Amino acid sequence: MLGLLLPKSFFESWGWLSGPSAWLLCAAVTATILKLDLPRTVLGAALAGLPSIIFVVIGLHWLGSLVAAFLFAAWCGRGVAAGLLHRSARPGSA
């Protein structure tokens, strides 16, 4: 969404801040929607995003984003399976 609203020059100057901020915000929204533990989910997003720094440095930002998304999904899936990212019961469910 930001890409549609802001010029490319913004991301060339402020991408180092806006990218990780948007990544963490999206992780928080994901945690809220899926009823996951917020701090642990955001921690997983931060850790999953770290390898993408290497891809940005070598000029493959798109691949870094893909790797980070897969790592984040694995973190969340494994966390739920291990009982570390507790999903709370939805109102009205048994």
N, C-alpha and C. Protein backbone atom coordinates (compact mmCIF):
# COMPACT_ATOMS: atom_id res chain seq x y z
N MET A 1 0.82 -1.18 0.00
CA MET A 1 0.00 0.00 0.00
C MET A 1 0.87 1.25 0.00
N LEU A 2 1.93 1.23 0.81
CA LEU A 2 2.81 2.40 0.84
C LEU A 2 3.42 2.68 -0.52
N GLY A 3 3.71 1.62 -1.25
CA GLY A 3 4.31 1.76 -2.57
C GLY A 3 3.43 2.54 -3.53
N LEU A 4 2.13 2.49 -3.34
CA LEU A 4 1.21 3.23 -4.19
C LEU A 4 1.09 4.69 -3.77
N LEU A 5 1.31 4.93 -2.49
CA LEU A 5 1.10 6.27 -1.95
C LEU A 5 2.34 7.15 -1.95
N LEU A 6 3.51 6.54 -1.93
CA LEU A 6 4.75 7.30 -1.79
C LEU A 6 5.66 7.11 -2.99
N PRO A 7 6.48 8.11 -3.30
CA PRO A 7 7.39 7.98 -4.44
C PRO A 7 8.55 7.04 -4.14
N LYS A 8 9.18 6.56 -5.20
CA LYS A 8 10.31 5.64 -5.07
C LYS A 8 11.43 6.25 -4.23
N SER A 9 11.63 7.55 -4.34
CA SER A 9 12.70 8.22 -3.59
C SER A 9 12.52 8.07 -2.08
N PHE A 10 11.26 7.99 -1.63
CA PHE A 10 11.02 7.78 -0.21
C PHE A 10 11.64 6.46 0.24
N PHE A 11 11.43 5.42 -0.52
CA PHE A 11 11.93 4.10 -0.14
C PHE A 11 13.44 3.99 -0.29
N GLU A 12 14.00 4.74 -1.23
CA GLU A 12 15.46 4.76 -1.36
C GLU A 12 16.10 5.42 -0.14
N SER A 13 15.42 6.39 0.45
CA SER A 13 15.94 7.09 1.62
C SER A 13 15.50 6.46 2.94
N TRP A 14 14.27 6.02 3.00
CA TRP A 14 13.69 5.56 4.26
C TRP A 14 13.26 4.10 4.26
N GLY A 15 13.63 3.35 3.24
CA GLY A 15 13.25 1.94 3.19
C GLY A 15 13.78 1.13 4.35
N TRP A 16 14.96 1.48 4.83
CA TRP A 16 15.57 0.77 5.95
C TRP A 16 14.71 0.86 7.21
N LEU A 17 13.87 1.90 7.31
CA LEU A 17 13.00 2.07 8.46
C LEU A 17 11.56 1.65 8.15
N SER A 18 11.07 2.05 6.98
CA SER A 18 9.67 1.77 6.65
C SER A 18 9.44 0.28 6.38
N GLY A 19 10.40 -0.40 5.77
CA GLY A 19 10.24 -1.83 5.47
C GLY A 19 10.10 -2.68 6.72
N PRO A 20 11.08 -2.62 7.64
CA PRO A 20 10.94 -3.40 8.88
C PRO A 20 9.73 -2.98 9.72
N SER A 21 9.41 -1.69 9.71
CA SER A 21 8.24 -1.25 10.48
C SER A 21 6.96 -1.85 9.92
N ALA A 22 6.83 -1.84 8.60
CA ALA A 22 5.64 -2.43 7.97
C ALA A 22 5.61 -3.94 8.21
N TRP A 23 6.76 -4.59 8.15
CA TRP A 23 6.86 -6.04 8.40
C TRP A 23 6.36 -6.37 9.80
N LEU A 24 6.80 -5.62 10.81
CA LEU A 24 6.40 -5.88 12.19
C LEU A 24 4.92 -5.53 12.41
N LEU A 25 4.46 -4.47 11.77
CA LEU A 25 3.05 -4.12 11.88
C LEU A 25 2.17 -5.21 11.28
N CYS A 26 2.56 -5.73 10.13
CA CYS A 26 1.80 -6.82 9.50
C CYS A 26 1.82 -8.08 10.38
N ALA A 27 2.95 -8.34 11.04
CA ALA A 27 3.01 -9.49 11.95
C ALA A 27 2.06 -9.30 13.12
N ALA A 28 1.99 -8.08 13.64
CA ALA A 28 1.07 -7.80 14.75
C ALA A 28 -0.38 -7.97 14.31
N VAL A 29 -0.70 -7.52 13.11
CA VAL A 29 -2.06 -7.70 12.57
C VAL A 29 -2.35 -9.19 12.39
N THR A 30 -1.39 -9.94 11.87
CA THR A 30 -1.55 -11.39 11.70
C THR A 30 -1.82 -12.05 13.05
N ALA A 31 -1.03 -11.69 14.06
CA ALA A 31 -1.21 -12.26 15.40
C ALA A 31 -2.59 -11.95 15.94
N THR A 32 -3.04 -10.73 15.72
CA THR A 32 -4.36 -10.33 16.22
C THR A 32 -5.48 -11.10 15.51
N ILE A 33 -5.40 -11.18 14.20
CA ILE A 33 -6.44 -11.87 13.44
C ILE A 33 -6.49 -13.36 13.78
N LEU A 34 -5.31 -13.98 13.88
CA LEU A 34 -5.25 -15.42 14.15
C LEU A 34 -5.27 -15.76 15.63
N LYS A 35 -5.38 -14.73 16.48
CA LYS A 35 -5.42 -14.91 17.93
C LYS A 35 -4.16 -15.62 18.45
N LEU A 36 -3.00 -15.19 17.94
CA LEU A 36 -1.72 -15.74 18.39
C LEU A 36 -1.13 -14.83 19.46
N ASP A 37 -0.18 -15.38 20.21
CA ASP A 37 0.52 -14.60 21.23
C ASP A 37 1.30 -13.47 20.55
N LEU A 38 0.92 -12.23 20.84
CA LEU A 38 1.48 -11.08 20.13
C LEU A 38 3.00 -10.92 20.30
N PRO A 39 3.54 -10.90 21.52
CA PRO A 39 4.99 -10.71 21.64
C PRO A 39 5.81 -11.80 20.94
N ARG A 40 5.39 -13.04 21.09
CA ARG A 40 6.13 -14.15 20.47
C ARG A 40 6.02 -14.11 18.94
N THR A 41 4.87 -13.71 18.43
CA THR A 41 4.69 -13.61 16.99
C THR A 41 5.54 -12.50 16.41
N VAL A 42 5.56 -11.34 17.07
CA VAL A 42 6.38 -10.23 16.60
C VAL A 42 7.87 -10.57 16.71
N LEU A 43 8.26 -11.28 17.75
CA LEU A 43 9.65 -11.74 17.87
C LEU A 43 10.00 -12.65 16.70
N GLY A 44 9.10 -13.55 16.36
CA GLY A 44 9.33 -14.45 15.22
C GLY A 44 9.47 -13.68 13.92
N ALA A 45 8.68 -12.63 13.75
CA ALA A 45 8.78 -11.81 12.55
C ALA A 45 10.13 -11.10 12.50
N ALA A 46 10.57 -10.59 13.63
CA ALA A 46 11.86 -9.90 13.68
C ALA A 46 13.00 -10.87 13.35
N LEU A 47 12.96 -12.05 13.93
CA LEU A 47 14.01 -13.05 13.66
C LEU A 47 13.97 -13.54 12.21
N ALA A 48 12.77 -13.72 11.69
CA ALA A 48 12.63 -14.18 10.30
C ALA A 48 13.09 -13.12 9.32
N GLY A 49 12.98 -11.87 9.70
CA GLY A 49 13.40 -10.79 8.82
C GLY A 49 14.90 -10.58 8.76
N LEU A 50 15.63 -11.05 9.75
CA LEU A 50 17.08 -10.83 9.78
C LEU A 50 17.82 -11.38 8.56
N PRO A 51 17.54 -12.61 8.11
CA PRO A 51 18.25 -13.11 6.93
C PRO A 51 18.00 -12.28 5.67
N SER A 52 16.88 -11.57 5.63
CA SER A 52 16.59 -10.78 4.44
C SER A 52 17.59 -9.64 4.25
N ILE A 53 18.27 -9.25 5.32
CA ILE A 53 19.29 -8.19 5.22
C ILE A 53 20.37 -8.60 4.23
N ILE A 54 20.75 -9.86 4.26
CA ILE A 54 21.79 -10.37 3.33
C ILE A 54 21.31 -10.22 1.89
N PHE A 55 20.07 -10.57 1.66
CA PHE A 55 19.52 -10.48 0.30
C PHE A 55 19.42 -9.04 -0.18
N VAL A 56 19.11 -8.12 0.73
CA VAL A 56 19.05 -6.71 0.36
C VAL A 56 20.44 -6.23 -0.04
N VAL A 57 21.45 -6.62 0.73
CA VAL A 57 22.83 -6.20 0.44
C VAL A 57 23.30 -6.70 -0.92
N ILE A 58 22.90 -7.92 -1.30
CA ILE A 58 23.35 -8.46 -2.59
C ILE A 58 22.39 -8.12 -3.73
N GLY A 59 21.37 -7.30 -3.43
CA GLY A 59 20.48 -6.81 -4.49
C GLY A 59 19.32 -7.71 -4.84
N LEU A 60 18.97 -8.64 -3.96
CA LEU A 60 17.84 -9.55 -4.21
C LEU A 60 16.77 -9.37 -3.13
N HIS A 61 16.29 -8.15 -2.99
CA HIS A 61 15.31 -7.84 -1.95
C HIS A 61 14.09 -8.73 -2.05
N TRP A 62 13.61 -8.98 -3.26
CA TRP A 62 12.41 -9.80 -3.45
C TRP A 62 12.61 -11.20 -2.88
N LEU A 63 13.81 -11.76 -3.05
CA LEU A 63 14.08 -13.10 -2.55
C LEU A 63 14.17 -13.10 -1.03
N GLY A 64 14.74 -12.03 -0.47
CA GLY A 64 14.80 -11.90 0.98
C GLY A 64 13.42 -11.83 1.60
N SER A 65 12.51 -11.13 0.93
CA SER A 65 11.13 -11.04 1.42
C SER A 65 10.45 -12.41 1.38
N LEU A 66 10.69 -13.15 0.34
CA LEU A 66 10.11 -14.49 0.20
C LEU A 66 10.65 -15.43 1.29
N VAL A 67 11.96 -15.41 1.49
CA VAL A 67 12.59 -16.25 2.52
C VAL A 67 12.03 -15.87 3.90
N ALA A 68 11.95 -14.56 4.17
CA ALA A 68 11.45 -14.11 5.47
C ALA A 68 10.00 -14.56 5.67
N ALA A 69 9.19 -14.49 4.64
CA ALA A 69 7.79 -14.92 4.76
C ALA A 69 7.69 -16.41 5.09
N PHE A 70 8.52 -17.22 4.42
CA PHE A 70 8.53 -18.66 4.72
C PHE A 70 9.02 -18.94 6.13
N LEU A 71 10.06 -18.24 6.56
CA LEU A 71 10.58 -18.43 7.92
C LEU A 71 9.55 -18.01 8.97
N PHE A 72 8.85 -16.91 8.70
CA PHE A 72 7.82 -16.45 9.63
C PHE A 72 6.67 -17.45 9.70
N ALA A 73 6.26 -17.98 8.57
CA ALA A 73 5.20 -18.99 8.55
C ALA A 73 5.63 -20.23 9.32
N ALA A 74 6.88 -20.64 9.13
CA ALA A 74 7.39 -21.82 9.86
C ALA A 74 7.41 -21.55 11.36
N TRP A 75 7.85 -20.35 11.76
CA TRP A 75 7.87 -19.96 13.17
C TRP A 75 6.47 -20.06 13.77
N CYS A 76 5.51 -19.48 13.09
CA CYS A 76 4.14 -19.48 13.61
C CYS A 76 3.55 -20.89 13.63
N GLY A 77 3.74 -21.63 12.55
CA GLY A 77 3.20 -23.00 12.49
C GLY A 77 3.80 -23.90 13.54
N ARG A 78 5.11 -23.82 13.70
CA ARG A 78 5.77 -24.65 14.71
C ARG A 78 5.38 -24.20 16.11
N GLY A 79 5.24 -22.90 16.30
CA GLY A 79 4.86 -22.38 17.61
C GLY A 79 3.47 -22.84 18.03
N VAL A 80 2.54 -22.83 17.09
CA VAL A 80 1.19 -23.30 17.39
C VAL A 80 1.21 -24.80 17.68
N ALA A 81 1.93 -25.56 16.86
CA ALA A 81 1.99 -27.01 17.04
C ALA A 81 2.63 -27.39 18.38
N ALA A 82 3.63 -26.61 18.81
CA ALA A 82 4.33 -26.90 20.06
C ALA A 82 3.62 -26.29 21.27
N GLY A 83 2.55 -25.54 21.03
CA GLY A 83 1.83 -24.92 22.12
C GLY A 83 2.47 -23.63 22.62
N LEU A 84 3.44 -23.09 21.87
CA LEU A 84 4.12 -21.86 22.29
C LEU A 84 3.36 -20.62 21.86
N LEU A 85 2.66 -20.71 20.75
CA LEU A 85 1.83 -19.61 20.27
C LEU A 85 0.38 -20.02 20.45
N HIS A 86 -0.10 -19.87 21.65
CA HIS A 86 -1.44 -20.32 21.99
C HIS A 86 -2.49 -19.55 21.21
N ARG A 87 -3.37 -20.27 20.59
CA ARG A 87 -4.54 -19.65 19.95
C ARG A 87 -5.64 -19.62 20.99
N SER A 88 -6.18 -18.46 21.21
CA SER A 88 -7.27 -18.35 22.17
C SER A 88 -8.56 -18.78 21.52
N ALA A 89 -9.44 -19.31 22.34
CA ALA A 89 -10.74 -19.77 21.82
C ALA A 89 -11.56 -18.56 21.39
N ARG A 90 -12.23 -18.71 20.29
CA ARG A 90 -13.10 -17.64 19.83
C ARG A 90 -14.41 -17.68 20.61
N PRO A 91 -15.00 -16.52 20.83
CA PRO A 91 -16.27 -16.49 21.55
C PRO A 91 -17.30 -17.36 20.85
N GLY A 92 -17.99 -18.16 21.63
CA GLY A 92 -19.05 -19.00 21.08
C GLY A 92 -18.56 -20.35 20.59
N SER A 93 -17.24 -20.60 20.63
CA SER A 93 -16.75 -21.91 20.18
C SER A 93 -16.51 -22.80 21.38
N ALA A 94 -16.59 -24.07 21.16
CA ALA A 94 -16.42 -25.02 22.27
C ALA A 94 -14.99 -25.36 22.50
